[in-house]
Amino acid sequence: MVLQVAELAVSSPESIRIPIMGPTLCAGFPSPADDFLEGALELPRWLAPNPPATFLWNISGDSMRGAGIHDRDLACVDRSLTPHHGSVVVAAVDGQMSIKRFLIEGNVARLTFDNPDLPAFAVEDLVESHIWGVVRFTIRWHVARAGLVR
């Protein structure tokens, strides 16, 4: 059975609440604890097949504009996914959360921006870094944001 988006009613058994983390990406390293939750957004279960490992993050800045990810977008990040060459990831780089493109060139893993004005750097060149999760999709608001349910 294939569900159509219109068939998924709000608060239906086919929907789940996904927490929105704060602060925005690139603004610090929050823990996925309740102190850092800014609200939640109800999504169809098929958009977030692993709810306990799924979080939403507000994007700040234009470092990923080449990937179609812009300032004030909302990224759905799944911590259970394994990053592969070309994945868009959320990484903790020297204690700061940011969104990057994960590339493997030979034996070197790189975190890059999708903005030609910004440099790529090798993961091993960083003082401390790790991949926090893989971006499953983003949401771009084309009208004023509706209030989020807390």
Protein backbone atom coordinates (compact mmCIF):
# COMPACT_ATOMS: atom_id res chain seq x y z
CA MET A 1 0.00 0.00 0.00
CA VAL A 2 1.42 3.39 -1.00
CA LEU A 3 0.29 6.31 1.16
CA GLN A 4 -0.38 9.64 -0.46
CA VAL A 5 0.63 12.78 1.43
CA ALA A 6 -3.02 13.96 1.49
CA GLU A 7 -4.01 10.72 3.30
CA LEU A 8 -1.79 11.46 6.30
CA ALA A 9 -3.90 13.43 8.73
CA VAL A 10 -2.32 15.48 11.52
CA SER A 11 -1.94 13.39 14.70
CA SER A 12 -2.66 10.21 12.78
CA PRO A 13 -0.92 6.92 13.63
CA GLU A 14 1.13 7.44 10.47
CA SER A 15 2.67 10.67 11.79
CA ILE A 16 5.36 11.32 14.38
CA ARG A 17 6.71 14.32 16.28
CA ILE A 18 10.32 15.16 15.47
CA PRO A 19 12.19 17.49 17.87
CA ILE A 20 13.66 20.74 16.61
CA MET A 21 17.14 21.26 18.04
CA GLY A 22 18.58 24.59 18.97
CA PRO A 23 20.56 26.70 18.51
CA THR A 24 20.87 26.78 14.74
CA LEU A 25 23.60 24.82 13.00
CA CYS A 26 26.99 26.57 13.22
CA ALA A 27 25.92 28.27 16.48
CA GLY A 28 27.31 25.78 19.01
CA PHE A 29 27.37 22.13 20.02
CA PRO A 30 24.11 21.19 21.68
CA SER A 31 23.37 17.82 23.19
CA PRO A 32 20.15 16.12 22.13
CA ALA A 33 18.79 16.79 25.63
CA ASP A 34 15.50 18.48 26.39
CA ASP A 35 17.34 21.70 27.36
CA PHE A 36 18.20 22.17 23.70
CA LEU A 37 14.81 21.41 22.19
CA GLU A 38 13.04 24.37 20.62
CA GLY A 39 9.83 22.57 19.73
CA ALA A 40 8.68 19.80 17.45
CA LEU A 41 7.20 19.34 14.02
CA GLU A 42 4.80 16.56 13.13
CA LEU A 43 5.89 14.65 10.03
CA PRO A 44 4.58 11.61 8.18
CA ARG A 45 6.40 8.50 9.43
CA TRP A 46 7.71 7.72 5.92
CA LEU A 47 9.76 10.95 6.02
CA ALA A 48 11.47 9.90 9.26
CA PRO A 49 11.59 6.10 9.37
CA ASN A 50 13.80 6.07 12.50
CA PRO A 51 12.20 8.64 14.86
CA PRO A 52 14.50 8.12 17.89
CA ALA A 53 17.53 8.99 15.73
CA THR A 54 15.90 11.88 13.83
CA PHE A 55 16.18 15.58 14.67
CA LEU A 56 15.39 18.85 12.90
CA TRP A 57 17.88 21.72 12.80
CA ASN A 58 17.44 25.31 11.66
CA ILE A 59 20.10 26.32 9.14
CA SER A 60 22.00 29.57 9.52
CA GLY A 61 24.14 30.90 6.67
CA ASP A 62 24.73 30.13 3.00
CA SER A 63 27.68 27.71 3.08
CA MET A 64 25.56 25.00 1.39
CA ARG A 65 23.73 27.08 -1.22
CA GLY A 66 25.17 24.91 -4.03
CA ALA A 67 23.28 21.96 -2.50
CA GLY A 68 20.08 24.01 -2.47
CA ILE A 69 20.26 24.52 1.30
CA HIS A 70 19.81 28.14 2.34
CA ASP A 71 19.67 30.34 5.42
CA ARG A 72 16.55 29.61 7.55
CA ASP A 73 15.85 26.20 5.95
CA LEU A 74 15.06 23.31 8.25
CA ALA A 75 17.25 20.18 7.92
CA CYS A 76 16.02 16.71 8.88
CA VAL A 77 19.06 14.85 10.26
CA ASP A 78 19.13 11.08 10.80
CA ARG A 79 21.84 9.85 13.18
CA SER A 80 21.30 6.20 12.17
CA LEU A 81 22.44 6.71 8.56
CA THR A 82 26.04 6.05 7.52
CA PRO A 83 27.61 8.89 5.54
CA HIS A 84 28.91 8.02 2.09
CA HIS A 85 30.88 9.98 -0.50
CA GLY A 86 28.72 12.97 -1.42
CA SER A 87 26.43 12.85 1.64
CA VAL A 88 25.34 16.12 3.23
CA VAL A 89 26.14 15.75 6.93
CA VAL A 90 25.98 17.54 10.23
CA ALA A 91 29.45 17.49 11.76
CA ALA A 92 30.87 18.67 15.06
CA VAL A 93 34.01 20.54 14.02
CA ASP A 94 36.13 21.77 16.93
CA GLY A 95 33.00 21.77 19.10
CA GLN A 96 30.84 23.68 16.61
CA MET A 97 27.94 22.04 14.78
CA SER A 98 27.83 22.72 11.06
CA ILE A 99 26.43 21.33 7.86
CA LYS A 100 28.90 20.13 5.24
CA ARG A 101 29.35 17.84 2.23
CA PHE A 102 31.29 14.64 3.07
CA LEU A 103 33.72 13.63 0.32
CA ILE A 104 36.26 10.83 0.10
CA GLU A 105 39.21 11.51 -2.20
CA GLY A 106 41.57 8.55 -2.25
CA ASN A 107 42.27 7.79 1.42
CA VAL A 108 41.35 11.28 2.64
CA ALA A 109 37.92 12.23 3.97
CA ARG A 110 36.99 15.86 3.48
CA LEU A 111 34.25 18.10 4.77
CA THR A 112 33.42 20.75 2.21
CA PHE A 113 31.03 23.61 1.72
CA ASP A 114 28.78 23.74 -1.33
CA ASN A 115 29.79 27.32 -1.87
CA PRO A 116 32.75 27.97 -4.19
CA ASP A 117 33.80 30.96 -2.07
CA LEU A 118 34.64 28.71 0.90
CA PRO A 119 37.55 26.20 1.21
CA ALA A 120 37.48 22.42 1.67
CA PHE A 121 39.57 20.93 4.44
CA ALA A 122 40.72 17.42 5.30
CA VAL A 123 39.05 15.87 8.34
CA GLU A 124 42.47 14.85 9.70
CA ASP A 125 43.56 18.51 9.64
CA LEU A 126 40.91 19.40 12.19
CA VAL A 127 41.65 19.45 15.90
CA GLU A 128 38.50 17.49 16.70
CA SER A 129 35.67 16.43 14.40
CA HIS A 130 33.05 13.76 14.02
CA ILE A 131 29.99 13.18 11.87
CA TRP A 132 26.88 13.70 14.01
CA GLY A 133 24.30 12.65 11.41
CA VAL A 134 23.28 12.59 7.76
CA VAL A 135 20.84 15.11 6.29
CA ARG A 136 17.85 13.19 4.96
CA PHE A 137 16.03 16.24 3.49
CA THR A 138 15.46 19.96 4.05
CA ILE A 139 12.36 22.11 4.23
CA ARG A 140 12.32 25.61 2.78
CA TRP A 141 9.65 28.00 3.96
CA HIS A 142 8.09 30.07 1.17
CA VAL A 143 5.61 31.83 3.45
CA ALA A 144 5.87 33.02 7.04
CA ARG A 145 6.57 30.11 9.38
CA ALA A 146 3.58 28.75 11.25
CA GLY A 147 3.85 28.45 15.01
CA LEU A 148 5.52 25.24 16.13
CA VAL A 149 3.87 22.90 18.59
CA ARG A 150 5.72 22.54 21.89
